[in-house]
Amino acid sequence: MREVGVGIIGFGTVGAGVADGLLREAELISRRCGLRVALRGVADLDIGRDRGVAVPRELLTTDAMALALRPDVDVVVELIGGTGVAADVIRAALEAGKSVVTANKKLLAEHGAALFALARKKGVDLYFGASVGGGIPIIRALRDGLVANDIRAMHGILNGTCNYILTRMAREGSGFDEVLADAQRLGYAEANPSLDIDGFDTAHKICILASLAYGVTVPLDRVTVQGIRGLNPVDVRYAGELGYVIKLLAVCKAHGDRLEVRVNPTLVPKDHTLASVNDVFNAVLVDGSMTGDTLYYGKGAGREATASAVISDIVSVARHVAVGTPRAAEPLPRIDESPYALLAPEDCVSRFYIRLMVRDDCGMVGRFATILGAHGVSIFAASQHEASEAQRAEGYVPVVILTQPARAGDIVAALTEITEQGIVRSMPFHLCIL
């Protein structure tokens, strides 16, 4: 039976899960794929700490580059993360003619085009199924299962930390800071949660999905990214009263030859498929020209789910290596052949939820409605909410508006003018509506 050697770079949570899976399920993998996937080594700066995995001591090393370039390693698995050492190891492995499996969403989102070009030049595989959605097979679905579909839109809940926080806030009426502290205590959020709660983890993932589905490079600085940091519980409550839940939503949608890519907290109708995706679960809803809507749902992170996706990629690559036909499944469309250009953030069109603290004087509501209309924004519904004692003492009342579809740039311009006119206490808060 042909044997394919694997070297794992990174012995953290996912790396330990992959090593454990390859060792523990070696016979099962061999029976199912007809070849032996052999773990040649695991590299990490700290090889002394107990990961709860029985990896033979002789397989552990602190020299990542040496392991990646060893002649008996056919497939290099990069699980370090980041864009420093990880990038160096991947480039070196590809240059040496070795196939690579990675879960590194940040590296792929920011440098994927160059890395895939190098993989094509060297005629080797670069697989990344675990980079988006953990164990959810969304990468394979876009690459293979939906290959005959023109992808019209993708809407995704792609960060378990944010989804857990928003679920708790909606379910219990709890404050953001309180739930974030609980998420950190339970291990659902990092000690420094900025990448998650500020939306950039989600943005990296939707950039990868956009590249895969549309063959276009999506620079992160061209994507509107709004996280959930400090989200006011009152907006979660008002949304619920109006028949919505708030989700951190990644959106990628084609408008002719223009592509809309953004990440925002979004009001999702309670009867929508994505509204029931709760706690740490992820989901991606894909609208294909032939299939219509298809949903990909499951655990978006965690050792076992992510390791499962990594091992699936390892086996796919190992099959190509074993029969001498790498790149049997093209991992990414050729970016230079894409017909799409990115839609400017201000040109994105959505319905909007707007919360204003309006001066409690006669005619104020009419004044801000007139300004909205002058900017082409039509009101779908409006409601005044009971003011707190402090708000009444300051002379302001909360008003919530739901708009008809409008340009994001027109919304911002209108709200800026409303603020400058002294109609409201401060710049009104607004969110997109799905």
Protein backbone atom coordinates (compact mmCIF):
# COMPACT_ATOMS: atom_id res chain seq x y z
CA MET A 1 0.00 0.00 0.00
CA ARG A 2 1.38 3.42 -1.00
CA GLU A 3 2.47 5.58 1.96
CA VAL A 4 2.24 9.39 1.97
CA GLY A 5 4.18 11.30 4.62
CA VAL A 6 2.64 14.22 6.52
CA GLY A 7 4.36 16.89 8.60
CA ILE A 8 2.29 19.08 10.92
CA ILE A 9 3.58 22.59 11.67
CA GLY A 10 1.86 23.84 14.83
CA PHE A 11 0.88 21.76 17.85
CA GLY A 12 -1.89 23.91 19.27
CA THR A 13 -5.53 22.94 19.68
CA VAL A 14 -6.13 22.06 16.03
CA GLY A 15 -2.67 20.62 15.42
CA ALA A 16 -3.10 18.27 18.36
CA GLY A 17 -6.50 17.23 17.02
CA VAL A 18 -5.08 16.48 13.57
CA ALA A 19 -2.16 14.48 14.99
CA ASP A 20 -4.53 12.53 17.22
CA GLY A 21 -6.89 11.81 14.33
CA LEU A 22 -4.12 10.63 11.99
CA LEU A 23 -2.67 8.31 14.63
CA ARG A 24 -5.90 7.04 16.16
CA GLU A 25 -7.80 6.54 12.90
CA ALA A 26 -4.87 5.38 10.74
CA GLU A 27 -6.44 2.03 9.88
CA LEU A 28 -9.86 3.54 9.12
CA ILE A 29 -8.29 6.13 6.81
CA SER A 30 -6.26 3.43 5.05
CA ARG A 31 -9.32 1.26 4.43
CA ARG A 32 -11.34 4.16 3.09
CA CYS A 33 -8.79 5.78 0.80
CA GLY A 34 -6.55 2.86 -0.17
CA LEU A 35 -3.27 4.37 1.00
CA ARG A 36 -1.40 4.88 4.23
CA VAL A 37 -1.24 8.45 5.55
CA ALA A 38 1.81 8.42 7.82
CA LEU A 39 2.54 11.14 10.37
CA ARG A 40 6.27 11.93 9.98
CA GLY A 41 6.53 14.68 12.56
CA VAL A 42 4.98 17.58 14.47
CA ALA A 43 6.80 20.90 14.90
CA ASP A 44 6.18 23.50 17.58
CA LEU A 45 8.29 25.85 19.70
CA ASP A 46 6.85 24.17 22.82
CA ILE A 47 6.95 20.40 22.53
CA GLY A 48 7.03 19.76 26.28
CA ARG A 49 3.50 20.76 27.20
CA ASP A 50 0.93 17.99 27.50
CA ARG A 51 -1.74 18.31 24.79
CA GLY A 52 -3.60 15.18 25.82
CA VAL A 53 -2.41 13.43 22.65
CA ALA A 54 -0.13 10.39 22.61
CA VAL A 55 2.35 11.48 19.92
CA PRO A 56 5.62 9.50 20.05
CA ARG A 57 8.41 11.70 21.38
CA GLU A 58 10.62 11.00 18.35
CA LEU A 59 8.05 12.68 16.09
CA LEU A 60 8.25 16.03 17.93
CA THR A 61 10.61 18.80 16.84
CA THR A 62 11.08 22.53 17.31
CA ASP A 63 12.44 23.06 13.79
CA ALA A 64 9.40 23.75 11.59
CA MET A 65 11.32 24.52 8.43
CA ALA A 66 13.46 21.40 8.65
CA LEU A 67 10.36 19.22 9.06
CA ALA A 68 8.60 20.92 6.14
CA LEU A 69 11.57 20.29 3.83
CA ARG A 70 12.32 16.70 4.85
CA PRO A 71 12.38 14.33 1.85
CA ASP A 72 9.96 11.88 3.49
CA VAL A 73 7.31 14.61 4.05
CA ASP A 74 4.98 14.81 1.03
CA VAL A 75 2.24 16.99 2.55
CA VAL A 76 2.94 19.96 4.83
CA VAL A 77 0.10 20.93 7.18
CA GLU A 78 0.40 24.53 8.42
CA LEU A 79 -1.55 25.21 11.62
CA ILE A 80 0.48 28.04 13.17
CA GLY A 81 -1.73 30.90 12.04
CA GLY A 82 -0.74 34.47 11.29
CA THR A 83 1.26 35.83 8.38
CA GLY A 84 4.85 35.52 9.62
CA VAL A 85 6.47 32.10 10.10
CA ALA A 86 3.41 30.42 8.60
CA ALA A 87 3.90 32.26 5.32
CA ASP A 88 7.60 31.41 5.24
CA VAL A 89 6.93 27.71 5.81
CA ILE A 90 4.19 27.52 3.18
CA ARG A 91 6.27 29.32 0.55
CA ALA A 92 9.28 27.11 1.24
CA ALA A 93 7.18 23.95 1.03
CA LEU A 94 5.56 25.01 -2.25
CA GLU A 95 8.93 26.02 -3.73
CA ALA A 96 10.22 22.54 -2.79
CA GLY A 97 7.35 20.97 -4.74
CA LYS A 98 5.38 19.85 -1.69
CA SER A 99 1.61 20.12 -1.38
CA VAL A 100 0.23 22.15 1.52
CA VAL A 101 -2.89 22.02 3.69
CA THR A 102 -3.70 25.06 5.83
CA ALA A 103 -6.46 26.46 8.02
CA ASN A 104 -4.92 29.94 8.00
CA LYS A 105 -7.75 32.30 6.99
CA LYS A 106 -5.81 35.50 7.67
CA LEU A 107 -2.90 34.44 5.47
CA LEU A 108 -5.17 33.32 2.63
CA ALA A 109 -7.35 36.42 2.81
CA GLU A 110 -4.34 38.74 2.64
CA HIS A 111 -1.84 36.76 0.51
CA GLY A 112 -3.87 33.97 -1.08
CA ALA A 113 -3.49 35.14 -4.69
CA ALA A 114 0.32 34.98 -4.55
CA LEU A 115 0.36 31.62 -2.76
CA PHE A 116 -2.06 30.01 -5.21
CA ALA A 117 -0.06 31.38 -8.13
CA LEU A 118 3.06 29.75 -6.65
CA ALA A 119 1.21 26.45 -6.13
CA ARG A 120 0.08 26.48 -9.77
CA LYS A 121 3.58 27.29 -10.96
CA LYS A 122 4.99 24.33 -9.01
CA GLY A 123 2.13 22.00 -9.94
CA VAL A 124 1.17 21.15 -6.37
CA ASP A 125 -1.93 21.37 -4.18
CA LEU A 126 -2.79 24.10 -1.68
CA TYR A 127 -5.94 23.09 0.20
CA PHE A 128 -7.75 25.22 2.79
CA GLY A 129 -11.07 23.54 3.67
CA ALA A 130 -10.75 24.30 7.39
CA SER A 131 -10.09 28.03 6.91
CA VAL A 132 -13.81 28.89 6.84
CA GLY A 133 -16.48 27.31 8.99
CA GLY A 134 -14.36 24.70 10.81
CA GLY A 135 -15.95 21.34 10.04
CA ILE A 136 -18.60 22.79 7.70
CA PRO A 137 -17.78 21.68 4.12
CA ILE A 138 -18.49 25.08 2.55
CA ILE A 139 -15.15 25.24 0.70
CA ARG A 140 -15.72 21.87 -0.97
CA ALA A 141 -19.32 22.79 -1.74
CA LEU A 142 -18.27 25.94 -3.59
CA ARG A 143 -15.31 24.31 -5.30
CA ASP A 144 -16.99 21.05 -6.33
CA GLY A 145 -20.66 20.59 -5.44
CA LEU A 146 -21.85 23.95 -6.81
CA VAL A 147 -19.37 24.16 -9.69
CA ALA A 148 -22.19 24.46 -12.27
CA ASN A 149 -23.88 27.28 -10.35
CA ASP A 150 -23.56 30.99 -10.84
CA ILE A 151 -23.43 32.07 -7.19
CA ARG A 152 -25.90 34.91 -6.78
CA ALA A 153 -25.37 35.55 -3.08
CA MET A 154 -23.85 34.19 0.13
CA HIS A 155 -24.93 35.14 3.64
CA GLY A 156 -22.91 33.70 6.51
CA ILE A 157 -22.73 33.56 10.28
CA LEU A 158 -19.01 32.80 10.46
CA ASN A 159 -17.85 33.58 13.98
CA GLY A 160 -18.95 31.44 16.92
CA THR A 161 -17.82 33.93 19.56
CA CYS A 162 -20.01 36.70 18.18
CA ASN A 163 -22.94 34.38 17.60
CA TYR A 164 -22.73 33.11 21.18
CA ILE A 165 -22.71 36.67 22.54
CA LEU A 166 -25.64 37.79 20.37
CA THR A 167 -27.64 34.67 21.22
CA ARG A 168 -27.20 35.27 24.94
CA MET A 169 -28.05 38.97 24.65
CA ALA A 170 -31.27 38.17 22.77
CA ARG A 171 -32.25 35.25 24.99
CA GLU A 172 -31.53 36.85 28.37
CA GLY A 173 -31.45 40.59 27.76
CA SER A 174 -27.89 40.59 29.11
CA GLY A 175 -25.35 43.32 28.39
CA PHE A 176 -22.49 42.90 25.92
CA ASP A 177 -19.65 43.16 28.47
CA GLU A 178 -21.27 40.64 30.81
CA VAL A 179 -21.74 38.02 28.09
CA LEU A 180 -18.27 38.60 26.66
CA ALA A 181 -16.77 37.91 30.10
CA ASP A 182 -18.76 34.66 30.31
CA ALA A 183 -17.60 33.68 26.80
CA GLN A 184 -13.98 34.21 27.83
CA ARG A 185 -14.47 32.17 31.00
CA LEU A 186 -16.01 29.31 29.01
CA GLY A 187 -13.28 29.37 26.37
CA TYR A 188 -15.53 30.65 23.57
CA ALA A 189 -13.64 33.95 23.37
CA GLU A 190 -9.93 34.75 23.50
CA ALA A 191 -8.39 36.85 26.27
CA ASN A 192 -7.99 39.50 23.56
CA PRO A 193 -11.22 39.06 21.56
CA SER A 194 -10.67 41.95 19.14
CA LEU A 195 -10.29 39.84 15.99
CA ASP A 196 -13.66 38.22 16.67
CA ILE A 197 -15.86 40.97 18.12
CA ASP A 198 -14.57 43.68 15.78
CA GLY A 199 -15.56 41.58 12.77
CA PHE A 200 -12.17 40.94 11.16
CA ASP A 201 -12.20 37.16 11.63
CA THR A 202 -15.52 37.11 9.78
CA ALA A 203 -14.13 39.47 7.13
CA HIS A 204 -11.15 37.19 6.43
CA LYS A 205 -13.54 34.29 5.89
CA ILE A 206 -15.93 36.08 3.54
CA CYS A 207 -12.96 37.34 1.52
CA ILE A 208 -11.89 33.71 1.02
CA LEU A 209 -15.40 32.63 0.04
CA ALA A 210 -15.71 35.56 -2.37
CA SER A 211 -12.40 34.66 -4.01
CA LEU A 212 -13.49 31.05 -4.38
CA ALA A 213 -16.98 31.78 -5.71
CA TYR A 214 -16.17 34.74 -7.93
CA GLY A 215 -12.45 34.61 -8.66
CA VAL A 216 -11.81 38.14 -7.43
CA THR A 217 -9.22 39.41 -4.97
CA VAL A 218 -11.01 41.17 -2.12
CA PRO A 219 -8.60 43.48 -0.24
CA LEU A 220 -9.68 43.76 3.39
CA ASP A 221 -9.46 47.56 3.25
CA ARG A 222 -12.18 47.56 0.57
CA VAL A 223 -14.63 45.67 2.78
CA THR A 224 -17.03 47.39 5.16
CA VAL A 225 -16.32 45.72 8.51
CA GLN A 226 -18.47 46.50 11.54
CA GLY A 227 -18.26 44.28 14.60
CA ILE A 228 -20.48 43.88 17.65
CA ARG A 229 -18.22 45.51 20.26
CA GLY A 230 -20.37 47.40 22.75
CA LEU A 231 -23.68 46.60 21.03
CA ASN A 232 -26.44 48.20 23.10
CA PRO A 233 -28.91 45.70 24.62
CA VAL A 234 -31.70 48.15 23.81
CA ASP A 235 -31.15 47.55 20.09
CA VAL A 236 -31.30 43.79 20.63
CA ARG A 237 -34.58 44.29 22.52
CA TYR A 238 -36.10 46.67 19.97
CA ALA A 239 -35.12 44.29 17.16
CA GLY A 240 -36.86 41.43 18.96
CA GLU A 241 -40.01 43.49 19.44
CA LEU A 242 -40.02 44.25 15.71
CA GLY A 243 -39.70 40.55 14.76
CA TYR A 244 -35.94 40.34 14.16
CA VAL A 245 -32.79 38.94 15.74
CA ILE A 246 -29.38 40.56 15.35
CA LYS A 247 -26.63 38.44 13.79
CA LEU A 248 -23.11 39.36 12.71
CA LEU A 249 -23.63 38.67 9.03
CA ALA A 250 -21.08 38.31 6.25
CA VAL A 251 -22.61 39.21 2.90
CA CYS A 252 -21.26 38.54 -0.60
CA LYS A 253 -23.67 39.35 -3.40
CA ALA A 254 -23.35 39.81 -7.16
CA HIS A 255 -24.98 42.84 -8.82
CA GLY A 256 -24.30 42.32 -12.50
CA ASP A 257 -20.53 42.69 -12.82
CA ARG A 258 -20.18 44.35 -9.39
CA LEU A 259 -19.61 42.41 -6.19
CA GLU A 260 -20.83 43.51 -2.78
CA VAL A 261 -18.76 42.24 0.16
CA ARG A 262 -19.40 43.42 3.73
CA VAL A 263 -19.60 42.39 7.39
CA ASN A 264 -22.22 44.03 9.65
CA PRO A 265 -24.46 43.30 12.61
CA THR A 266 -27.74 42.78 10.75
CA LEU A 267 -31.40 42.46 11.66
CA VAL A 268 -32.53 39.03 10.44
CA PRO A 269 -36.30 38.21 10.37
CA LYS A 270 -37.15 35.61 12.99
CA ASP A 271 -38.65 33.31 10.34
CA HIS A 272 -35.47 33.39 8.21
CA THR A 273 -33.29 30.26 8.06
CA LEU A 274 -30.29 32.01 9.60
CA ALA A 275 -32.25 33.39 12.57
CA SER A 276 -32.27 29.95 14.21
CA VAL A 277 -28.46 29.56 14.05
CA ASN A 278 -27.55 30.09 17.69
CA ASP A 279 -24.76 29.86 20.25
CA VAL A 280 -21.34 28.87 18.80
CA PHE A 281 -22.71 27.38 15.58
CA ASN A 282 -21.93 28.77 12.12
CA ALA A 283 -23.91 28.65 8.88
CA VAL A 284 -23.59 29.78 5.28
CA LEU A 285 -26.62 30.22 3.04
CA VAL A 286 -25.67 30.04 -0.65
CA ASP A 287 -28.00 31.07 -3.46
CA GLY A 288 -26.97 29.24 -6.63
CA SER A 289 -28.44 29.72 -10.10
CA MET A 290 -29.32 26.00 -10.41
CA THR A 291 -29.80 24.87 -6.80
CA GLY A 292 -31.46 27.92 -5.30
CA ASP A 293 -30.73 28.21 -1.58
CA THR A 294 -28.51 25.60 0.09
CA LEU A 295 -27.50 25.78 3.76
CA TYR A 296 -24.20 24.63 5.31
CA TYR A 297 -24.45 24.44 9.10
CA GLY A 298 -22.38 23.12 11.96
CA LYS A 299 -19.63 23.85 14.44
CA GLY A 300 -17.45 26.59 13.04
CA ALA A 301 -14.50 26.06 15.35
CA GLY A 302 -13.11 23.71 17.97
CA ARG A 303 -10.51 20.99 17.94
CA GLU A 304 -12.50 18.05 16.60
CA ALA A 305 -14.57 19.87 13.96
CA THR A 306 -11.63 21.78 12.50
CA ALA A 307 -9.28 18.79 12.67
CA SER A 308 -11.86 16.75 10.74
CA ALA A 309 -11.78 19.29 7.91
CA VAL A 310 -7.98 19.38 7.90
CA ILE A 311 -7.72 15.58 7.74
CA SER A 312 -10.23 15.54 4.88
CA ASP A 313 -7.93 17.90 2.94
CA ILE A 314 -4.86 15.83 3.85
CA VAL A 315 -6.49 12.69 2.43
CA SER A 316 -7.53 14.50 -0.78
CA VAL A 317 -4.01 15.80 -1.31
CA ALA A 318 -2.48 12.43 -0.38
CA ARG A 319 -4.54 10.74 -3.09
CA HIS A 320 -3.18 13.20 -5.67
CA VAL A 321 0.38 12.62 -4.45
CA ALA A 322 -0.05 8.85 -4.49
CA VAL A 323 -1.15 8.71 -8.13
CA GLY A 324 1.14 11.50 -9.28
CA THR A 325 -1.63 13.89 -10.35
CA PRO A 326 -1.54 16.95 -8.08
CA ARG A 327 -4.11 19.66 -8.62
CA ALA A 328 -6.74 17.09 -9.59
CA ALA A 329 -9.26 19.50 -8.06
CA GLU A 330 -8.41 23.14 -8.83
CA PRO A 331 -8.62 24.89 -5.44
CA LEU A 332 -9.26 28.46 -6.59
CA PRO A 333 -10.48 30.16 -9.78
CA ARG A 334 -7.88 32.14 -11.66
CA ILE A 335 -8.23 35.59 -10.22
CA ASP A 336 -7.01 37.37 -13.36
CA GLU A 337 -9.96 35.91 -15.28
CA SER A 338 -12.68 37.31 -13.00
CA PRO A 339 -15.26 39.60 -14.61
CA TYR A 340 -16.20 41.19 -11.27
CA ALA A 341 -15.25 44.52 -9.75
CA LEU A 342 -15.92 45.39 -6.11
CA LEU A 343 -18.93 47.55 -5.32
CA ALA A 344 -18.00 50.65 -3.30
CA PRO A 345 -19.27 50.35 0.31
CA GLU A 346 -21.35 53.51 -0.01
CA ASP A 347 -23.17 52.03 -3.03
CA CYS A 348 -24.39 48.94 -1.15
CA VAL A 349 -28.20 48.91 -0.90
CA SER A 350 -30.13 47.55 2.07
CA ARG A 351 -33.07 48.26 4.30
CA PHE A 352 -31.94 49.91 7.52
CA TYR A 353 -32.83 50.04 11.21
CA ILE A 354 -32.16 53.48 12.69
CA ARG A 355 -32.35 54.46 16.36
CA LEU A 356 -32.38 58.17 17.10
CA MET A 357 -32.47 60.09 20.36
CA VAL A 358 -34.72 62.92 19.13
CA ARG A 359 -35.14 66.29 20.84
CA ASP A 360 -38.55 66.26 22.54
CA ASP A 361 -39.81 69.38 20.77
CA CYS A 362 -42.73 69.93 18.44
CA GLY A 363 -41.96 69.17 14.79
CA MET A 364 -38.69 67.31 15.31
CA VAL A 365 -39.97 64.06 13.81
CA GLY A 366 -41.18 65.89 10.73
CA ARG A 367 -37.82 67.61 10.34
CA PHE A 368 -35.74 64.42 10.34
CA ALA A 369 -38.27 62.68 8.06
CA THR A 370 -37.90 65.54 5.59
CA ILE A 371 -34.10 65.26 5.66
CA LEU A 372 -34.26 61.51 5.08
CA GLY A 373 -36.56 62.06 2.12
CA ALA A 374 -34.25 64.71 0.66
CA HIS A 375 -31.49 62.08 0.59
CA GLY A 376 -33.71 59.52 -1.13
CA VAL A 377 -34.45 57.48 2.01
CA SER A 378 -38.07 56.36 2.42
CA ILE A 379 -39.48 55.38 5.82
CA PHE A 380 -41.16 51.99 6.01
CA ALA A 381 -42.18 52.22 9.68
CA ALA A 382 -41.46 54.43 12.69
CA SER A 383 -42.14 54.07 16.40
CA GLN A 384 -41.45 56.16 19.48
CA HIS A 385 -40.33 54.29 22.58
CA GLU A 386 -40.72 55.18 26.21
CA ALA A 387 -37.92 57.41 27.46
CA SER A 388 -36.06 56.68 30.66
CA GLU A 389 -36.06 59.23 33.46
CA ALA A 390 -32.57 60.35 32.48
CA GLN A 391 -33.59 60.74 28.84
CA ARG A 392 -36.69 62.73 29.78
CA ALA A 393 -34.60 64.96 32.03
CA GLU A 394 -32.28 65.66 29.09
CA GLY A 395 -35.25 66.37 26.83
CA TYR A 396 -34.86 63.48 24.36
CA VAL A 397 -36.98 60.49 23.36
CA PRO A 398 -35.94 57.30 21.53
CA VAL A 399 -37.37 56.83 18.04
CA VAL A 400 -36.82 53.75 15.85
CA ILE A 401 -37.17 53.85 12.07
CA LEU A 402 -37.18 51.01 9.55
CA THR A 403 -36.43 52.20 6.02
CA GLN A 404 -37.17 51.01 2.54
CA PRO A 405 -34.06 49.88 0.55
CA ALA A 406 -31.52 52.72 0.41
CA ARG A 407 -27.86 53.35 -0.46
CA ALA A 408 -25.55 53.13 2.53
CA GLY A 409 -23.95 56.42 1.47
CA ASP A 410 -27.34 58.18 1.45
CA ILE A 411 -28.15 56.87 4.93
CA VAL A 412 -24.87 58.20 6.35
CA ALA A 413 -25.29 61.56 4.62
CA ALA A 414 -28.84 61.94 5.92
CA LEU A 415 -27.94 60.97 9.50
CA THR A 416 -24.96 63.34 9.44
CA GLU A 417 -27.23 66.23 8.40
CA ILE A 418 -29.80 65.31 11.04
CA THR A 419 -27.04 65.41 13.66
CA GLU A 420 -25.66 68.73 12.42
CA GLN A 421 -29.17 70.25 12.53
CA GLY A 422 -29.35 69.56 16.27
CA ILE A 423 -32.42 67.35 15.95
CA VAL A 424 -30.78 64.49 17.83
CA ARG A 425 -28.48 64.18 20.81
CA SER A 426 -25.75 62.36 18.91
CA MET A 427 -25.15 60.57 15.61
CA PRO A 428 -28.02 58.07 15.20
CA PHE A 429 -27.21 54.37 15.39
CA HIS A 430 -28.04 52.26 12.33
CA LEU A 431 -27.88 48.63 11.23
CA CYS A 432 -28.65 46.79 8.00
CA ILE A 433 -31.77 44.63 7.67
CA LEU A 434 -31.64 41.37 5.73
